[in-house]
Amino acid sequence: MDTTQLEKVRAGQGFFAALDQSGGSTPKALSEYGIAENRYTSEKEMFDLVHAMRTRVVTSSAFDGSRILAAILFEQTMERDIHGVPAAQYLWDDKQVVPFLKVEKGLADEENSVRLMKPIDTLDELLERGKRHRMFGTKMRSVINDADQDGVTAIVAQQFEYGARISAAGLVPIIEPEVSINSPRKDEAETMLRDALQTHISSLPHDASVMLKLTIPTQPGLYAGLAADPRVLQVLALSGGYRREEACELLAKDPSMIASFSRALLEGLSDEQTDDQFNAQLETSIAQIFQASVKNSSGSRAASRHL
């Protein structure tokens, strides 16, 4: 594990950029960027277009490690180049942004009000490739739709089962059991989730390193105890369908979390913008998300990290 990257992730000032849209979410991401489905006729063309969009983002003057700690990449992005340099290498060497890899392969059908991850059959091979590409860690998402104890228990158990394999391979797992912002009992589901996460984290070795990526909770500070645990490098907040303005407003109230936004980060960007317009919009987005993430850099969250 790269100790410079570890320290940046653990103690740096900033947020994570989630640039990991995969096959199912790519058409929507392209549409919001102004590229309609009639602009491409094959999956290859679609992924070429989304890679061009991501390249435009990460090569922008607004995008660098002074405010962005890390970026989460889709598997295909990891395998591609940016300006002739492998993507993960470009992020770290040119931008000082720590690279992470999305490893889940989609969601299973709902059961007990949750959607577990589909089996990650190729995980070992994917982790080997990730290490060759100098990835620091991984991310994997599953979804909680309502407050069902059996469902929440199962979803957290699955996340930590895969997380143990990722840690054993020498990478840092981001555990992401997302609570739907439309859950009829969101607050209750989040309390169940916090307790289940605490149980699993308490059983980890003292030198373990994991991260959490969670929906911004209804009760600010709900995950503060998890954030203070030395085995938890960061607690990240996903935007979860909130527009950037609302996501940042909610995040600014929670001192224990920093952003890991995808749609909210890319909001307002367009294929038709000139480079100056594009860079100005991305600068506005990054500045707003950064401010919401580091609002209390001298406060309780930072203090708890150095106890």
C-alpha atoms as a PDB file:
ATOM      1  CA  MET A   1       0.000   0.000   0.000  1.00  0.00           C
ATOM      2  CA  ASP A   2       1.349   3.420  -0.981  1.00  0.00           C
ATOM      3  CA  THR A   3       1.819   5.301   2.304  1.00  0.00           C
ATOM      4  CA  THR A   4       1.657   8.716   0.609  1.00  0.00           C
ATOM      5  CA  GLN A   5      -1.708   7.838  -0.898  1.00  0.00           C
ATOM      6  CA  LEU A   6      -2.873   6.364   2.411  1.00  0.00           C
ATOM      7  CA  GLU A   7      -2.085   9.590   4.253  1.00  0.00           C
ATOM      8  CA  LYS A   8      -3.794  11.670   1.592  1.00  0.00           C
ATOM      9  CA  VAL A   9      -6.974   9.585   1.819  1.00  0.00           C
ATOM     10  CA  ARG A  10      -6.919   9.527   5.624  1.00  0.00           C
ATOM     11  CA  ALA A  11      -6.073  13.142   6.411  1.00  0.00           C
ATOM     12  CA  GLY A  12      -6.354  15.162   3.212  1.00  0.00           C
ATOM     13  CA  GLN A  13      -8.692  18.094   2.732  1.00  0.00           C
ATOM     14  CA  GLY A  14     -11.165  17.481  -0.062  1.00  0.00           C
ATOM     15  CA  PHE A  15     -13.565  14.940  -1.533  1.00  0.00           C
ATOM     16  CA  PHE A  16     -13.813  11.943  -3.863  1.00  0.00           C
ATOM     17  CA  ALA A  17     -14.903  12.175  -7.507  1.00  0.00           C
ATOM     18  CA  ALA A  18     -17.056   9.199  -8.554  1.00  0.00           C
ATOM     19  CA  LEU A  19     -16.411   8.665 -12.273  1.00  0.00           C
ATOM     20  CA  ASP A  20     -17.581   5.055 -12.332  1.00  0.00           C
ATOM     21  CA  GLN A  21     -20.766   4.910 -14.416  1.00  0.00           C
ATOM     22  CA  SER A  22     -20.925   1.430 -15.960  1.00  0.00           C
ATOM     23  CA  GLY A  23     -22.999  -0.143 -18.730  1.00  0.00           C
ATOM     24  CA  GLY A  24     -26.405   0.349 -17.130  1.00  0.00           C
ATOM     25  CA  SER A  25     -25.913   3.961 -16.053  1.00  0.00           C
ATOM     26  CA  THR A  26     -23.809   5.220 -18.961  1.00  0.00           C
ATOM     27  CA  PRO A  27     -26.690   6.132 -21.349  1.00  0.00           C
ATOM     28  CA  LYS A  28     -28.245   8.362 -18.678  1.00  0.00           C
ATOM     29  CA  ALA A  29     -24.890   9.962 -17.854  1.00  0.00           C
ATOM     30  CA  LEU A  30     -24.294  10.695 -21.539  1.00  0.00           C
ATOM     31  CA  SER A  31     -27.821  12.042 -21.963  1.00  0.00           C
ATOM     32  CA  GLU A  32     -27.346  14.465 -19.066  1.00  0.00           C
ATOM     33  CA  TYR A  33     -24.076  15.512 -20.723  1.00  0.00           C
ATOM     34  CA  GLY A  34     -25.998  16.301 -23.913  1.00  0.00           C
ATOM     35  CA  ILE A  35     -25.208  13.162 -25.922  1.00  0.00           C
ATOM     36  CA  ALA A  36     -28.440  11.452 -26.992  1.00  0.00           C
ATOM     37  CA  GLU A  37     -28.611   7.724 -27.729  1.00  0.00           C
ATOM     38  CA  ASN A  38     -28.884   8.423 -31.474  1.00  0.00           C
ATOM     39  CA  ARG A  39     -25.271   9.671 -31.350  1.00  0.00           C
ATOM     40  CA  TYR A  40     -23.955   6.102 -30.989  1.00  0.00           C
ATOM     41  CA  THR A  41     -24.890   2.742 -32.497  1.00  0.00           C
ATOM     42  CA  SER A  42     -22.870   0.265 -30.446  1.00  0.00           C
ATOM     43  CA  GLU A  43     -21.662  -0.331 -26.904  1.00  0.00           C
ATOM     44  CA  LYS A  44     -18.106   0.388 -28.039  1.00  0.00           C
ATOM     45  CA  GLU A  45     -19.102   3.811 -29.365  1.00  0.00           C
ATOM     46  CA  MET A  46     -21.015   4.506 -26.145  1.00  0.00           C
ATOM     47  CA  PHE A  47     -18.000   3.702 -23.977  1.00  0.00           C
ATOM     48  CA  ASP A  48     -15.710   5.718 -26.257  1.00  0.00           C
ATOM     49  CA  LEU A  49     -17.975   8.726 -25.743  1.00  0.00           C
ATOM     50  CA  VAL A  50     -18.146   8.359 -21.969  1.00  0.00           C
ATOM     51  CA  HIS A  51     -14.368   7.939 -21.808  1.00  0.00           C
ATOM     52  CA  ALA A  52     -14.006  11.177 -23.763  1.00  0.00           C
ATOM     53  CA  MET A  53     -16.299  12.857 -21.226  1.00  0.00           C
ATOM     54  CA  ARG A  54     -14.284  11.513 -18.280  1.00  0.00           C
ATOM     55  CA  THR A  55     -11.028  12.505 -19.959  1.00  0.00           C
ATOM     56  CA  ARG A  56     -12.354  16.031 -20.374  1.00  0.00           C
ATOM     57  CA  VAL A  57     -13.198  16.121 -16.669  1.00  0.00           C
ATOM     58  CA  VAL A  58      -9.926  14.793 -15.259  1.00  0.00           C
ATOM     59  CA  THR A  59      -7.702  16.799 -17.632  1.00  0.00           C
ATOM     60  CA  SER A  60      -9.520  20.047 -16.801  1.00  0.00           C
ATOM     61  CA  SER A  61      -7.517  22.679 -14.956  1.00  0.00           C
ATOM     62  CA  ALA A  62     -10.247  22.619 -12.287  1.00  0.00           C
ATOM     63  CA  PHE A  63      -9.626  18.948 -11.471  1.00  0.00           C
ATOM     64  CA  ASP A  64      -6.577  18.258  -9.311  1.00  0.00           C
ATOM     65  CA  GLY A  65      -5.426  16.916  -5.982  1.00  0.00           C
ATOM     66  CA  SER A  66      -5.627  20.243  -4.176  1.00  0.00           C
ATOM     67  CA  ARG A  67      -9.360  19.635  -3.669  1.00  0.00           C
ATOM     68  CA  ILE A  68      -9.999  16.123  -4.990  1.00  0.00           C
ATOM     69  CA  LEU A  69      -8.486  13.383  -2.856  1.00  0.00           C
ATOM     70  CA  ALA A  70      -9.430  10.425  -5.026  1.00  0.00           C
ATOM     71  CA  ALA A  71     -11.374   9.280  -8.066  1.00  0.00           C
ATOM     72  CA  ILE A  72     -13.407   6.084  -8.450  1.00  0.00           C
ATOM     73  CA  LEU A  73     -13.077   4.528 -11.905  1.00  0.00           C
ATOM     74  CA  PHE A  74     -15.047   2.022 -13.947  1.00  0.00           C
ATOM     75  CA  GLU A  75     -13.124  -1.090 -14.997  1.00  0.00           C
ATOM     76  CA  GLN A  76     -12.987   0.002 -18.652  1.00  0.00           C
ATOM     77  CA  THR A  77     -11.611   3.395 -17.655  1.00  0.00           C
ATOM     78  CA  MET A  78      -8.817   1.670 -15.740  1.00  0.00           C
ATOM     79  CA  GLU A  79      -7.873  -0.189 -18.911  1.00  0.00           C
ATOM     80  CA  ARG A  80      -7.725   2.980 -21.037  1.00  0.00           C
ATOM     81  CA  ASP A  81      -5.222   5.799 -21.379  1.00  0.00           C
ATOM     82  CA  ILE A  82      -5.547   9.514 -20.685  1.00  0.00           C
ATOM     83  CA  HIS A  83      -3.199  11.606 -22.815  1.00  0.00           C
ATOM     84  CA  GLY A  84      -1.272   8.433 -23.641  1.00  0.00           C
ATOM     85  CA  VAL A  85      -0.812   7.439 -19.976  1.00  0.00           C
ATOM     86  CA  PRO A  86      -2.727   4.628 -18.176  1.00  0.00           C
ATOM     87  CA  ALA A  87      -5.687   6.258 -16.414  1.00  0.00           C
ATOM     88  CA  ALA A  88      -4.752   5.442 -12.816  1.00  0.00           C
ATOM     89  CA  GLN A  89      -1.132   6.462 -13.374  1.00  0.00           C
ATOM     90  CA  TYR A  90      -2.264   9.739 -14.953  1.00  0.00           C
ATOM     91  CA  LEU A  91      -4.524  10.511 -11.985  1.00  0.00           C
ATOM     92  CA  TRP A  92      -1.745  10.074  -9.440  1.00  0.00           C
ATOM     93  CA  ASP A  93       1.356  11.223 -11.315  1.00  0.00           C
ATOM     94  CA  ASP A  94      -0.215  14.222 -13.063  1.00  0.00           C
ATOM     95  CA  LYS A  95      -3.048  15.207 -10.715  1.00  0.00           C
ATOM     96  CA  GLN A  96      -2.115  13.758  -7.294  1.00  0.00           C
ATOM     97  CA  VAL A  97      -5.545  12.095  -7.164  1.00  0.00           C
ATOM     98  CA  VAL A  98      -5.683   8.593  -5.615  1.00  0.00           C
ATOM     99  CA  PRO A  99      -7.285   5.967  -7.933  1.00  0.00           C
ATOM    100  CA  PHE A 100     -10.010   3.540  -6.824  1.00  0.00           C
ATOM    101  CA  LEU A 101     -11.762   0.827  -8.854  1.00  0.00           C
ATOM    102  CA  LYS A 102     -15.462  -0.047  -8.914  1.00  0.00           C
ATOM    103  CA  VAL A 103     -15.703  -3.848  -8.653  1.00  0.00           C
ATOM    104  CA  GLU A 104     -19.374  -4.785  -8.280  1.00  0.00           C
ATOM    105  CA  LYS A 105     -21.229  -6.290 -11.248  1.00  0.00           C
ATOM    106  CA  GLY A 106     -24.726  -4.966 -10.659  1.00  0.00           C
ATOM    107  CA  LEU A 107     -27.559  -5.656  -8.252  1.00  0.00           C
ATOM    108  CA  ALA A 108     -29.630  -8.761  -7.577  1.00  0.00           C
ATOM    109  CA  ASP A 109     -33.438  -8.618  -7.415  1.00  0.00           C
ATOM    110  CA  GLU A 110     -34.914  -7.137  -4.249  1.00  0.00           C
ATOM    111  CA  GLU A 111     -35.356  -9.438  -1.257  1.00  0.00           C
ATOM    112  CA  ASN A 112     -36.163  -8.326   2.307  1.00  0.00           C
ATOM    113  CA  SER A 113     -36.317  -4.722   1.047  1.00  0.00           C
ATOM    114  CA  VAL A 114     -32.675  -4.726  -0.103  1.00  0.00           C
ATOM    115  CA  ARG A 115     -30.791  -5.440  -3.311  1.00  0.00           C
ATOM    116  CA  LEU A 116     -27.615  -7.379  -2.686  1.00  0.00           C
ATOM    117  CA  MET A 117     -24.753  -7.327  -5.157  1.00  0.00           C
ATOM    118  CA  LYS A 118     -24.712  -9.975  -7.834  1.00  0.00           C
ATOM    119  CA  PRO A 119     -21.854 -12.432  -7.261  1.00  0.00           C
ATOM    120  CA  ILE A 120     -18.506 -10.901  -8.234  1.00  0.00           C
ATOM    121  CA  ASP A 121     -17.244 -14.070  -9.914  1.00  0.00           C
ATOM    122  CA  THR A 122     -14.120 -12.471 -11.379  1.00  0.00           C
ATOM    123  CA  LEU A 123     -13.081 -10.588  -8.234  1.00  0.00           C
ATOM    124  CA  ASP A 124      -9.659 -12.198  -7.735  1.00  0.00           C
ATOM    125  CA  GLU A 125      -8.631 -11.580 -11.345  1.00  0.00           C
ATOM    126  CA  LEU A 126     -10.019  -8.044 -11.225  1.00  0.00           C
ATOM    127  CA  LEU A 127      -8.049  -7.266  -8.072  1.00  0.00           C
ATOM    128  CA  GLU A 128      -4.856  -8.549  -9.692  1.00  0.00           C
ATOM    129  CA  ARG A 129      -5.431  -6.239 -12.661  1.00  0.00           C
ATOM    130  CA  GLY A 130      -6.243  -3.401 -10.293  1.00  0.00           C
ATOM    131  CA  LYS A 131      -2.923  -3.847  -8.513  1.00  0.00           C
ATOM    132  CA  ARG A 132      -1.049  -3.913 -11.806  1.00  0.00           C
ATOM    133  CA  HIS A 133      -2.733  -0.613 -12.677  1.00  0.00           C
ATOM    134  CA  ARG A 134      -1.672   0.832  -9.286  1.00  0.00           C
ATOM    135  CA  MET A 135      -5.163   1.124  -7.830  1.00  0.00           C
ATOM    136  CA  PHE A 136      -5.255   2.018  -4.143  1.00  0.00           C
ATOM    137  CA  GLY A 137      -8.668   0.577  -3.345  1.00  0.00           C
ATOM    138  CA  THR A 138     -12.066  -0.550  -4.557  1.00  0.00           C
ATOM    139  CA  LYS A 139     -15.733   0.394  -4.324  1.00  0.00           C
ATOM    140  CA  MET A 140     -18.845  -1.795  -4.375  1.00  0.00           C
ATOM    141  CA  ARG A 141     -22.482  -0.703  -4.087  1.00  0.00           C
ATOM    142  CA  SER A 142     -25.658  -2.385  -2.873  1.00  0.00           C
ATOM    143  CA  VAL A 143     -29.009  -0.785  -1.993  1.00  0.00           C
ATOM    144  CA  ILE A 144     -31.339  -0.682   1.027  1.00  0.00           C
ATOM    145  CA  ASN A 145     -34.876   0.296   0.023  1.00  0.00           C
ATOM    146  CA  ASP A 146     -36.560   0.057   3.441  1.00  0.00           C
ATOM    147  CA  ALA A 147     -35.931  -0.699   7.105  1.00  0.00           C
ATOM    148  CA  ASP A 148     -35.879  -4.503   7.201  1.00  0.00           C
ATOM    149  CA  GLN A 149     -33.538  -5.959   9.810  1.00  0.00           C
ATOM    150  CA  ASP A 150     -32.888  -9.207   7.933  1.00  0.00           C
ATOM    151  CA  GLY A 151     -32.202  -7.306   4.742  1.00  0.00           C
ATOM    152  CA  VAL A 152     -29.833  -4.803   6.350  1.00  0.00           C
ATOM    153  CA  THR A 153     -27.984  -7.595   8.164  1.00  0.00           C
ATOM    154  CA  ALA A 154     -27.553  -9.527   4.909  1.00  0.00           C
ATOM    155  CA  ILE A 155     -26.390  -6.537   2.894  1.00  0.00           C
ATOM    156  CA  VAL A 156     -23.724  -5.522   5.413  1.00  0.00           C
ATOM    157  CA  ALA A 157     -22.534  -9.121   5.808  1.00  0.00           C
ATOM    158  CA  GLN A 158     -22.089  -9.448   2.039  1.00  0.00           C
ATOM    159  CA  GLN A 159     -20.198  -6.162   1.836  1.00  0.00           C
ATOM    160  CA  PHE A 160     -17.751  -7.168   4.558  1.00  0.00           C
ATOM    161  CA  GLU A 161     -17.308 -10.683   3.150  1.00  0.00           C
ATOM    162  CA  TYR A 162     -16.096  -9.205  -0.132  1.00  0.00           C
ATOM    163  CA  GLY A 163     -14.252  -6.485   1.770  1.00  0.00           C
ATOM    164  CA  ALA A 164     -12.156  -9.097   3.583  1.00  0.00           C
ATOM    165  CA  ARG A 165     -11.048 -10.584   0.246  1.00  0.00           C
ATOM    166  CA  ILE A 166     -10.173  -7.132  -1.078  1.00  0.00           C
ATOM    167  CA  SER A 167      -8.153  -6.293   2.026  1.00  0.00           C
ATOM    168  CA  ALA A 168      -6.341  -9.640   1.806  1.00  0.00           C
ATOM    169  CA  ALA A 169      -5.323  -8.709  -1.741  1.00  0.00           C
ATOM    170  CA  GLY A 170      -3.702  -5.522  -0.434  1.00  0.00           C
ATOM    171  CA  LEU A 171      -6.333  -2.982  -1.511  1.00  0.00           C
ATOM    172  CA  VAL A 172      -8.619  -0.802   0.628  1.00  0.00           C
ATOM    173  CA  PRO A 173     -12.343  -1.543   0.196  1.00  0.00           C
ATOM    174  CA  ILE A 174     -15.018   1.143   0.125  1.00  0.00           C
ATOM    175  CA  ILE A 175     -18.152  -0.441   1.609  1.00  0.00           C
ATOM    176  CA  GLU A 176     -21.240   1.152   0.009  1.00  0.00           C
ATOM    177  CA  PRO A 177     -24.646   0.003   1.282  1.00  0.00           C
ATOM    178  CA  GLU A 178     -26.739   2.894  -0.077  1.00  0.00           C
ATOM    179  CA  VAL A 179     -30.020   3.740   1.663  1.00  0.00           C
ATOM    180  CA  SER A 180     -32.503   4.968  -0.922  1.00  0.00           C
ATOM    181  CA  ILE A 181     -33.429   8.610  -0.390  1.00  0.00           C
ATOM    182  CA  ASN A 182     -37.003   7.504  -1.220  1.00  0.00           C
ATOM    183  CA  SER A 183     -37.150   4.883   1.532  1.00  0.00           C
ATOM    184  CA  PRO A 184     -40.419   5.261   3.482  1.00  0.00           C
ATOM    185  CA  ARG A 185     -38.470   4.688   6.713  1.00  0.00           C
ATOM    186  CA  LYS A 186     -35.113   6.146   5.777  1.00  0.00           C
ATOM    187  CA  ASP A 187     -34.210   7.264   9.302  1.00  0.00           C
ATOM    188  CA  GLU A 188     -34.964   3.831  10.759  1.00  0.00           C
ATOM    189  CA  ALA A 189     -33.054   2.040   7.993  1.00  0.00           C
ATOM    190  CA  GLU A 190     -30.024   4.253   8.644  1.00  0.00           C
ATOM    191  CA  THR A 191     -30.027   3.456  12.346  1.00  0.00           C
ATOM    192  CA  MET A 192     -30.144  -0.273  11.545  1.00  0.00           C
ATOM    193  CA  LEU A 193     -27.312   0.214   9.071  1.00  0.00           C
ATOM    194  CA  ARG A 194     -25.144   2.133  11.535  1.00  0.00           C
ATOM    195  CA  ASP A 195     -25.518  -0.616  14.140  1.00  0.00           C
ATOM    196  CA  ALA A 196     -24.736  -3.386  11.642  1.00  0.00           C
ATOM    197  CA  LEU A 197     -21.679  -1.518  10.347  1.00  0.00           C
ATOM    198  CA  GLN A 198     -20.444  -0.929  13.888  1.00  0.00           C
ATOM    199  CA  THR A 199     -20.744  -4.637  14.694  1.00  0.00           C
ATOM    200  CA  HIS A 200     -18.632  -5.638  11.705  1.00  0.00           C
ATOM    201  CA  ILE A 201     -16.042  -2.880  12.112  1.00  0.00           C
ATOM    202  CA  SER A 202     -15.614  -3.730  15.794  1.00  0.00           C
ATOM    203  CA  SER A 203     -14.615  -7.265  14.793  1.00  0.00           C
ATOM    204  CA  LEU A 204     -11.894  -6.122  12.356  1.00  0.00           C
ATOM    205  CA  PRO A 205      -8.200  -6.297  13.322  1.00  0.00           C
ATOM    206  CA  HIS A 206      -6.889  -3.099  14.886  1.00  0.00           C
ATOM    207  CA  ASP A 207      -4.649  -2.452  11.872  1.00  0.00           C
ATOM    208  CA  ALA A 208      -7.430  -2.894   9.297  1.00  0.00           C
ATOM    209  CA  SER A 209      -8.330  -0.121   6.848  1.00  0.00           C
ATOM    210  CA  VAL A 210     -11.782   0.248   5.337  1.00  0.00           C
ATOM    211  CA  MET A 211     -13.902   3.103   4.063  1.00  0.00           C
ATOM    212  CA  LEU A 212     -17.652   3.646   4.051  1.00  0.00           C
ATOM    213  CA  LYS A 213     -19.756   5.333   1.382  1.00  0.00           C
ATOM    214  CA  LEU A 214     -23.224   6.105   2.677  1.00  0.00           C
ATOM    215  CA  THR A 215     -26.311   8.146   1.934  1.00  0.00           C
ATOM    216  CA  ILE A 216     -26.327  11.482   3.786  1.00  0.00           C
ATOM    217  CA  PRO A 217     -28.336  10.532   6.890  1.00  0.00           C
ATOM    218  CA  THR A 218     -31.575  12.123   8.019  1.00  0.00           C
ATOM    219  CA  GLN A 219     -29.950  12.737  11.413  1.00  0.00           C
ATOM    220  CA  PRO A 220     -26.688  14.700  10.912  1.00  0.00           C
ATOM    221  CA  GLY A 221     -23.795  13.048  12.677  1.00  0.00           C
ATOM    222  CA  LEU A 222     -25.409   9.597  12.777  1.00  0.00           C
ATOM    223  CA  TYR A 223     -22.177   8.010  11.512  1.00  0.00           C
ATOM    224  CA  ALA A 224     -19.786  10.141  13.587  1.00  0.00           C
ATOM    225  CA  GLY A 225     -18.847   7.190  15.793  1.00  0.00           C
ATOM    226  CA  LEU A 226     -17.883   5.166  12.726  1.00  0.00           C
ATOM    227  CA  ALA A 227     -15.859   8.066  11.326  1.00  0.00           C
ATOM    228  CA  ALA A 228     -13.895   8.301  14.583  1.00  0.00           C
ATOM    229  CA  ASP A 229     -12.850   4.629  14.477  1.00  0.00           C
ATOM    230  CA  PRO A 230      -9.159   4.456  13.446  1.00  0.00           C
ATOM    231  CA  ARG A 231      -9.933   1.512  11.147  1.00  0.00           C
ATOM    232  CA  VAL A 232     -12.246   3.731   9.062  1.00  0.00           C
ATOM    233  CA  LEU A 233     -10.146   5.992   6.813  1.00  0.00           C
ATOM    234  CA  GLN A 234     -13.118   8.107   5.706  1.00  0.00           C
ATOM    235  CA  VAL A 235     -16.895   8.112   5.687  1.00  0.00           C
ATOM    236  CA  LEU A 236     -17.967   9.270   2.238  1.00  0.00           C
ATOM    237  CA  ALA A 237     -21.347  10.716   1.314  1.00  0.00           C
ATOM    238  CA  LEU A 238     -23.048   9.720  -1.934  1.00  0.00           C
ATOM    239  CA  SER A 239     -25.391  12.186  -3.617  1.00  0.00           C
ATOM    240  CA  GLY A 240     -28.053   9.500  -4.043  1.00  0.00           C
ATOM    241  CA  GLY A 241     -30.176  11.346  -6.576  1.00  0.00           C
ATOM    242  CA  TYR A 242     -30.122  14.731  -4.840  1.00  0.00           C
ATOM    243  CA  ARG A 243     -29.240  17.677  -7.057  1.00  0.00           C
ATOM    244  CA  ARG A 244     -25.859  19.189  -6.246  1.00  0.00           C
ATOM    245  CA  GLU A 245     -27.281  22.197  -4.403  1.00  0.00           C
ATOM    246  CA  GLU A 246     -29.355  20.045  -2.041  1.00  0.00           C
ATOM    247  CA  ALA A 247     -26.658  17.397  -1.612  1.00  0.00           C
ATOM    248  CA  CYS A 248     -24.110  20.044  -0.613  1.00  0.00           C
ATOM    249  CA  GLU A 249     -26.575  21.742   1.731  1.00  0.00           C
ATOM    250  CA  LEU A 250     -27.243  18.441   3.526  1.00  0.00           C
ATOM    251  CA  LEU A 251     -23.580  17.430   3.592  1.00  0.00           C
ATOM    252  CA  ALA A 252     -22.520  20.780   5.053  1.00  0.00           C
ATOM    253  CA  LYS A 253     -24.547  19.935   8.178  1.00  0.00           C
ATOM    254  CA  ASP A 254     -22.647  16.687   8.811  1.00  0.00           C
ATOM    255  CA  PRO A 255     -19.086  17.069  10.132  1.00  0.00           C
ATOM    256  CA  SER A 256     -18.303  13.350   9.917  1.00  0.00           C
ATOM    257  CA  MET A 257     -18.619  12.927   6.121  1.00  0.00           C
ATOM    258  CA  ILE A 258     -16.977  14.141   2.927  1.00  0.00           C
ATOM    259  CA  ALA A 259     -18.460  13.938  -0.570  1.00  0.00           C
ATOM    260  CA  SER A 260     -18.102  11.164  -3.104  1.00  0.00           C
ATOM    261  CA  PHE A 261     -20.447  12.517  -5.759  1.00  0.00           C
ATOM    262  CA  SER A 262     -21.098  11.335  -9.293  1.00  0.00           C
ATOM    263  CA  ARG A 263     -24.188  12.913 -10.865  1.00  0.00           C
ATOM    264  CA  ALA A 264     -23.942  15.945  -8.605  1.00  0.00           C
ATOM    265  CA  LEU A 265     -20.325  16.499  -9.668  1.00  0.00           C
ATOM    266  CA  LEU A 266     -21.124  16.301 -13.396  1.00  0.00           C
ATOM    267  CA  GLU A 267     -24.322  18.348 -13.162  1.00  0.00           C
ATOM    268  CA  GLY A 268     -24.306  21.300 -15.567  1.00  0.00           C
ATOM    269  CA  LEU A 269     -21.554  19.951 -17.836  1.00  0.00           C
ATOM    270  CA  SER A 270     -22.323  19.627 -21.540  1.00  0.00           C
ATOM    271  CA  ASP A 271     -20.695  18.229 -24.644  1.00  0.00           C
ATOM    272  CA  GLU A 272     -21.609  21.476 -26.412  1.00  0.00           C
ATOM    273  CA  GLN A 273     -19.745  23.753 -24.000  1.00  0.00           C
ATOM    274  CA  THR A 274     -16.500  25.380 -25.085  1.00  0.00           C
ATOM    275  CA  ASP A 275     -13.479  24.408 -23.006  1.00  0.00           C
ATOM    276  CA  ASP A 276     -13.699  27.714 -21.149  1.00  0.00           C
ATOM    277  CA  GLN A 277     -17.396  27.179 -20.373  1.00  0.00           C
ATOM    278  CA  PHE A 278     -16.788  23.558 -19.376  1.00  0.00           C
ATOM    279  CA  ASN A 279     -13.884  24.412 -17.085  1.00  0.00           C
ATOM    280  CA  ALA A 280     -15.805  27.279 -15.473  1.00  0.00           C
ATOM    281  CA  GLN A 281     -18.799  25.033 -14.720  1.00  0.00           C
ATOM    282  CA  LEU A 282     -16.587  22.257 -13.354  1.00  0.00           C
ATOM    283  CA  GLU A 283     -14.740  24.812 -11.205  1.00  0.00           C
ATOM    284  CA  THR A 284     -18.064  25.982  -9.739  1.00  0.00           C
ATOM    285  CA  SER A 285     -19.115  22.395  -8.977  1.00  0.00           C
ATOM    286  CA  ILE A 286     -15.798  21.378  -7.438  1.00  0.00           C
ATOM    287  CA  ALA A 287     -15.617  24.525  -5.304  1.00  0.00           C
ATOM    288  CA  GLN A 288     -19.131  23.967  -3.947  1.00  0.00           C
ATOM    289  CA  ILE A 289     -18.578  20.272  -3.161  1.00  0.00           C
ATOM    290  CA  PHE A 290     -15.171  20.991  -1.621  1.00  0.00           C
ATOM    291  CA  GLN A 291     -16.646  23.637   0.647  1.00  0.00           C
ATOM    292  CA  ALA A 292     -19.412  21.286   1.804  1.00  0.00           C
ATOM    293  CA  SER A 293     -16.819  18.590   2.545  1.00  0.00           C
ATOM    294  CA  VAL A 294     -14.240  20.619   4.496  1.00  0.00           C
ATOM    295  CA  LYS A 295     -16.592  22.988   6.298  1.00  0.00           C
ATOM    296  CA  ASN A 296     -15.166  22.013   9.697  1.00  0.00           C
ATOM    297  CA  SER A 297     -11.593  21.003   8.984  1.00  0.00           C
ATOM    298  CA  SER A 298     -10.557  22.144  12.459  1.00  0.00           C
ATOM    299  CA  GLY A 299     -13.626  20.679  14.143  1.00  0.00           C
ATOM    300  CA  SER A 300     -14.678  17.412  15.674  1.00  0.00           C
ATOM    301  CA  ARG A 301     -14.073  15.154  12.679  1.00  0.00           C
ATOM    302  CA  ALA A 302     -10.473  16.236  12.202  1.00  0.00           C
ATOM    303  CA  ALA A 303      -9.813  16.131  15.900  1.00  0.00           C
ATOM    304  CA  SER A 304     -11.177  12.596  16.227  1.00  0.00           C
ATOM    305  CA  ARG A 305      -8.788  11.377  13.496  1.00  0.00           C
ATOM    306  CA  HIS A 306      -5.713  12.344  15.486  1.00  0.00           C
ATOM    307  CA  LEU A 307      -6.638  11.063  18.913  1.00  0.00           C
END
